C-alpha atoms as a PDB file:
ATOM      1  CA  UNK A   1     163.392  68.687 158.090  1.00  0.00           C
ATOM      2  CA  UNK A   2     164.939  65.575 158.228  1.00  0.00           C
ATOM      3  CA  UNK A   3     162.554  63.179 159.986  1.00  0.00           C
ATOM      4  CA  UNK A   4     165.169  62.490 162.885  1.00  0.00           C
ATOM      5  CA  UNK A   5     165.692  65.959 163.200  1.00  0.00           C
ATOM      6  CA  UNK A   6     161.981  66.653 163.881  1.00  0.00           C
ATOM      7  CA  UNK A   7     161.899  63.702 166.414  1.00  0.00           C
ATOM      8  CA  UNK A   8     165.035  65.161 168.290  1.00  0.00           C
ATOM      9  CA  UNK A   9     163.333  68.987 168.576  1.00  0.00           C
ATOM     10  CA  UNK A  10     159.815  66.945 169.743  1.00  0.00           C
ATOM     11  CA  UNK A  11     161.865  64.980 172.451  1.00  0.00           C
ATOM     12  CA  UNK A  12     163.701  68.271 173.790  1.00  0.00           C
ATOM     13  CA  UNK A  13     160.183  70.233 173.512  1.00  0.00           C
ATOM     14  CA  UNK A  14     158.346  67.433 175.443  1.00  0.00           C
ATOM     15  CA  UNK A  15     161.205  67.836 178.408  1.00  0.00           C
ATOM     16  CA  UNK A  16     160.187  70.273 181.190  1.00  0.00           C
ATOM     17  CA  UNK A  17     163.614  71.188 181.616  1.00  0.00           C
ATOM     18  CA  UNK A  18     164.602  72.646 178.056  1.00  0.00           C
ATOM     19  CA  UNK A  19     161.246  74.231 177.633  1.00  0.00           C
ATOM     20  CA  UNK A  20     161.868  75.830 180.827  1.00  0.00           C
ATOM     21  CA  UNK A  21     164.940  77.364 179.336  1.00  0.00           C
ATOM     22  CA  UNK A  22     163.865  77.977 175.727  1.00  0.00           C
ATOM     23  CA  UNK A  23     159.936  77.685 175.764  1.00  0.00           C
ATOM     24  CA  UNK A  24     159.107  76.823 172.168  1.00  0.00           C
ATOM     25  CA  UNK A  25     162.500  78.042 170.596  1.00  0.00           C
ATOM     26  CA  UNK A  26     163.604  74.783 168.927  1.00  0.00           C
ATOM     27  CA  UNK A  27     164.419  75.041 165.486  1.00  0.00           C
ATOM     28  CA  UNK A  28     165.727  72.525 162.808  1.00  0.00           C
ATOM     29  CA  UNK A  29     168.419  74.367 160.941  1.00  0.00           C
ATOM     30  CA  UNK A  30     169.335  78.056 161.226  1.00  0.00           C
ATOM     31  CA  UNK A  31     168.128  80.193 163.968  1.00  0.00           C
ATOM     32  CA  UNK A  32     165.306  82.388 162.539  1.00  0.00           C
ATOM     33  CA  UNK A  33     166.568  86.184 162.535  1.00  0.00           C
ATOM     34  CA  UNK A  34     165.700  88.427 165.532  1.00  0.00           C
ATOM     35  CA  UNK A  35     164.734  85.184 167.425  1.00  0.00           C
ATOM     36  CA  UNK A  36     164.596  85.618 171.237  1.00  0.00           C
ATOM     37  CA  UNK A  37     167.356  83.641 173.322  1.00  0.00           C
ATOM     38  CA  UNK A  38     167.927  81.145 174.978  1.00  0.00           C
ATOM     39  CA  UNK A  39     167.176  78.933 171.578  1.00  0.00           C
ATOM     40  CA  UNK A  40     168.223  75.621 170.448  1.00  0.00           C
ATOM     41  CA  UNK A  41     169.127  74.657 166.721  1.00  0.00           C
ATOM     42  CA  UNK A  42     169.472  70.932 165.208  1.00  0.00           C
ATOM     43  CA  UNK A  43     171.409  70.138 162.303  1.00  0.00           C
ATOM     44  CA  UNK A  44     171.976  66.470 160.809  1.00  0.00           C
ATOM     45  CA  UNK A  45     175.439  66.180 160.806  1.00  0.00           C
ATOM     46  CA  UNK A  46     176.299  62.811 159.247  1.00  0.00           C
ATOM     47  CA  UNK A  47     174.335  60.159 158.337  1.00  0.00           C
ATOM     48  CA  UNK A  48     176.120  56.811 157.141  1.00  0.00           C
ATOM     49  CA  UNK A  49     175.065  55.064 154.205  1.00  0.00           C
ATOM     50  CA  UNK A  50     174.487  51.382 155.003  1.00  0.00           C
ATOM     51  CA  UNK A  51     173.442  49.685 158.381  1.00  0.00           C
ATOM     52  CA  UNK A  52     175.829  49.330 160.887  1.00  0.00           C
ATOM     53  CA  UNK A  53     174.318  46.559 163.334  1.00  0.00           C
ATOM     54  CA  UNK A  54     172.177  43.711 162.087  1.00  0.00           C
ATOM     55  CA  UNK A  55     169.838  42.513 164.981  1.00  0.00           C
ATOM     56  CA  UNK A  56     167.823  39.622 163.522  1.00  0.00           C
ATOM     57  CA  UNK A  57     165.542  41.548 161.068  1.00  0.00           C
ATOM     58  CA  UNK A  58     166.200  45.051 162.729  1.00  0.00           C
ATOM     59  CA  UNK A  59     168.821  47.103 160.812  1.00  0.00           C
ATOM     60  CA  UNK A  60     170.323  50.306 163.343  1.00  0.00           C
ATOM     61  CA  UNK A  61     172.442  53.018 161.963  1.00  0.00           C
ATOM     62  CA  UNK A  62     173.818  55.850 164.140  1.00  0.00           C
ATOM     63  CA  UNK A  63     173.438  59.203 162.464  1.00  0.00           C
ATOM     64  CA  UNK A  64     175.540  62.258 164.052  1.00  0.00           C
ATOM     65  CA  UNK A  65     173.056  65.050 165.163  1.00  0.00           C
ATOM     66  CA  UNK A  66     174.382  68.577 166.516  1.00  0.00           C
ATOM     67  CA  UNK A  67     172.267  69.992 169.070  1.00  0.00           C
ATOM     68  CA  UNK A  68     172.977  73.469 169.294  1.00  0.00           C
ATOM     69  CA  UNK A  69     172.528  75.804 172.521  1.00  0.00           C
ATOM     70  CA  UNK A  70     172.163  79.793 171.640  1.00  0.00           C
ATOM     71  CA  UNK A  71     172.233  82.641 174.427  1.00  0.00           C
ATOM     72  CA  UNK A  72     173.151  86.059 174.933  1.00  0.00           C
ATOM     73  CA  UNK A  73     175.531  84.996 178.075  1.00  0.00           C
ATOM     74  CA  UNK A  74     177.642  82.360 177.967  1.00  0.00           C
ATOM     75  CA  UNK A  75     176.043  80.650 181.212  1.00  0.00           C
ATOM     76  CA  UNK A  76     172.659  80.533 179.404  1.00  0.00           C
ATOM     77  CA  UNK A  77     174.014  78.655 176.807  1.00  0.00           C
ATOM     78  CA  UNK A  78     175.658  76.290 178.900  1.00  0.00           C
ATOM     79  CA  UNK A  79     172.682  75.673 181.068  1.00  0.00           C
ATOM     80  CA  UNK A  80     170.642  75.328 177.915  1.00  0.00           C
ATOM     81  CA  UNK A  81     173.342  72.356 176.827  1.00  0.00           C
ATOM     82  CA  UNK A  82     173.022  70.870 179.923  1.00  0.00           C
ATOM     83  CA  UNK A  83     169.471  70.456 179.849  1.00  0.00           C
ATOM     84  CA  UNK A  84     169.547  69.033 176.196  1.00  0.00           C
ATOM     85  CA  UNK A  85     172.222  66.487 177.560  1.00  0.00           C
ATOM     86  CA  UNK A  86     169.899  65.431 180.676  1.00  0.00           C
ATOM     87  CA  UNK A  87     166.938  65.137 178.129  1.00  0.00           C
ATOM     88  CA  UNK A  88     168.683  63.213 175.344  1.00  0.00           C
ATOM     89  CA  UNK A  89     171.448  61.384 176.608  1.00  0.00           C
ATOM     90  CA  UNK A  90     170.123  57.840 177.324  1.00  0.00           C
ATOM     91  CA  UNK A  91     166.852  58.061 175.502  1.00  0.00           C
ATOM     92  CA  UNK A  92     165.071  55.300 173.859  1.00  0.00           C
ATOM     93  CA  UNK A  93     161.821  54.117 172.552  1.00  0.00           C
ATOM     94  CA  UNK A  94     159.440  54.299 169.620  1.00  0.00           C
ATOM     95  CA  UNK A  95     158.825  58.164 168.494  1.00  0.00           C
ATOM     96  CA  UNK A  96     156.540  58.760 165.675  1.00  0.00           C
ATOM     97  CA  UNK A  97     157.214  55.301 163.870  1.00  0.00           C
ATOM     98  CA  UNK A  98     160.712  55.502 164.753  1.00  0.00           C
ATOM     99  CA  UNK A  99     162.539  52.923 167.176  1.00  0.00           C
ATOM    100  CA  UNK A 100     165.368  54.703 168.780  1.00  0.00           C
ATOM    101  CA  UNK A 101     167.759  52.297 170.701  1.00  0.00           C
ATOM    102  CA  UNK A 102     169.879  55.191 172.072  1.00  0.00           C
ATOM    103  CA  UNK A 103     170.891  58.585 172.127  1.00  0.00           C
ATOM    104  CA  UNK A 104     174.590  59.092 173.095  1.00  0.00           C
ATOM    105  CA  UNK A 105     176.447  62.112 173.940  1.00  0.00           C
ATOM    106  CA  UNK A 106     179.401  62.199 171.898  1.00  0.00           C
ATOM    107  CA  UNK A 107     181.201  65.744 172.113  1.00  0.00           C
ATOM    108  CA  UNK A 108     180.451  69.223 173.370  1.00  0.00           C
ATOM    109  CA  UNK A 109     182.422  72.387 172.858  1.00  0.00           C
ATOM    110  CA  UNK A 110     182.178  76.123 174.227  1.00  0.00           C
ATOM    111  CA  UNK A 111     180.778  78.230 174.927  1.00  0.00           C
ATOM    112  CA  UNK A 112     181.737  79.929 171.785  1.00  0.00           C
ATOM    113  CA  UNK A 113     181.264  83.703 171.451  1.00  0.00           C
ATOM    114  CA  UNK A 114     180.083  84.698 167.829  1.00  0.00           C
ATOM    115  CA  UNK A 115     181.227  88.456 167.382  1.00  0.00           C
ATOM    116  CA  UNK A 116     178.941  88.963 164.449  1.00  0.00           C
ATOM    117  CA  UNK A 117     175.633  88.186 166.513  1.00  0.00           C
ATOM    118  CA  UNK A 118     176.828  88.959 169.769  1.00  0.00           C
ATOM    119  CA  UNK A 119     175.795  85.470 171.221  1.00  0.00           C
ATOM    120  CA  UNK A 120     177.287  82.569 172.590  1.00  0.00           C
ATOM    121  CA  UNK A 121     177.353  79.191 171.106  1.00  0.00           C
ATOM    122  CA  UNK A 122     177.348  75.589 172.726  1.00  0.00           C
ATOM    123  CA  UNK A 123     177.617  72.627 169.973  1.00  0.00           C
ATOM    124  CA  UNK A 124     176.863  69.190 171.062  1.00  0.00           C
ATOM    125  CA  UNK A 125     176.772  66.351 169.076  1.00  0.00           C
ATOM    126  CA  UNK A 126     174.822  63.289 169.818  1.00  0.00           C
ATOM    127  CA  UNK A 127     174.941  59.773 167.923  1.00  0.00           C
ATOM    128  CA  UNK A 128     170.989  58.594 167.522  1.00  0.00           C
ATOM    129  CA  UNK A 129     170.991  54.790 167.143  1.00  0.00           C
ATOM    130  CA  UNK A 130     167.819  53.955 165.214  1.00  0.00           C
ATOM    131  CA  UNK A 131     166.135  51.692 162.897  1.00  0.00           C
ATOM    132  CA  UNK A 132     166.413  52.339 159.409  1.00  0.00           C
END
């Protein structure tokens, strides 16, 4: 699991609003089979290959992370997605040795009904400005 995905997961697990809805069901990558819902999956969507901003000796980059809320009902997935946005948008600080300057909400869709699993999915993208 990429370190940044783990950090985002830990931030979500530490947030009372998120953990009140999903308990400890926050996963890097695909959700496990037969997981109880609602739950969250986190994916690295893209990661710039070079720093985009220099501030003194600090180089910042801004990968896009997708944080997906999944639920048995569209309303459940939307509630979790709202809690995710509240927990992440504007976050900054030092996390596990990585300085995060900003987490910025980039886009959100859904709820999307997935007929194979009979669940709802609300994907939300965040740009995470951090030290490279």
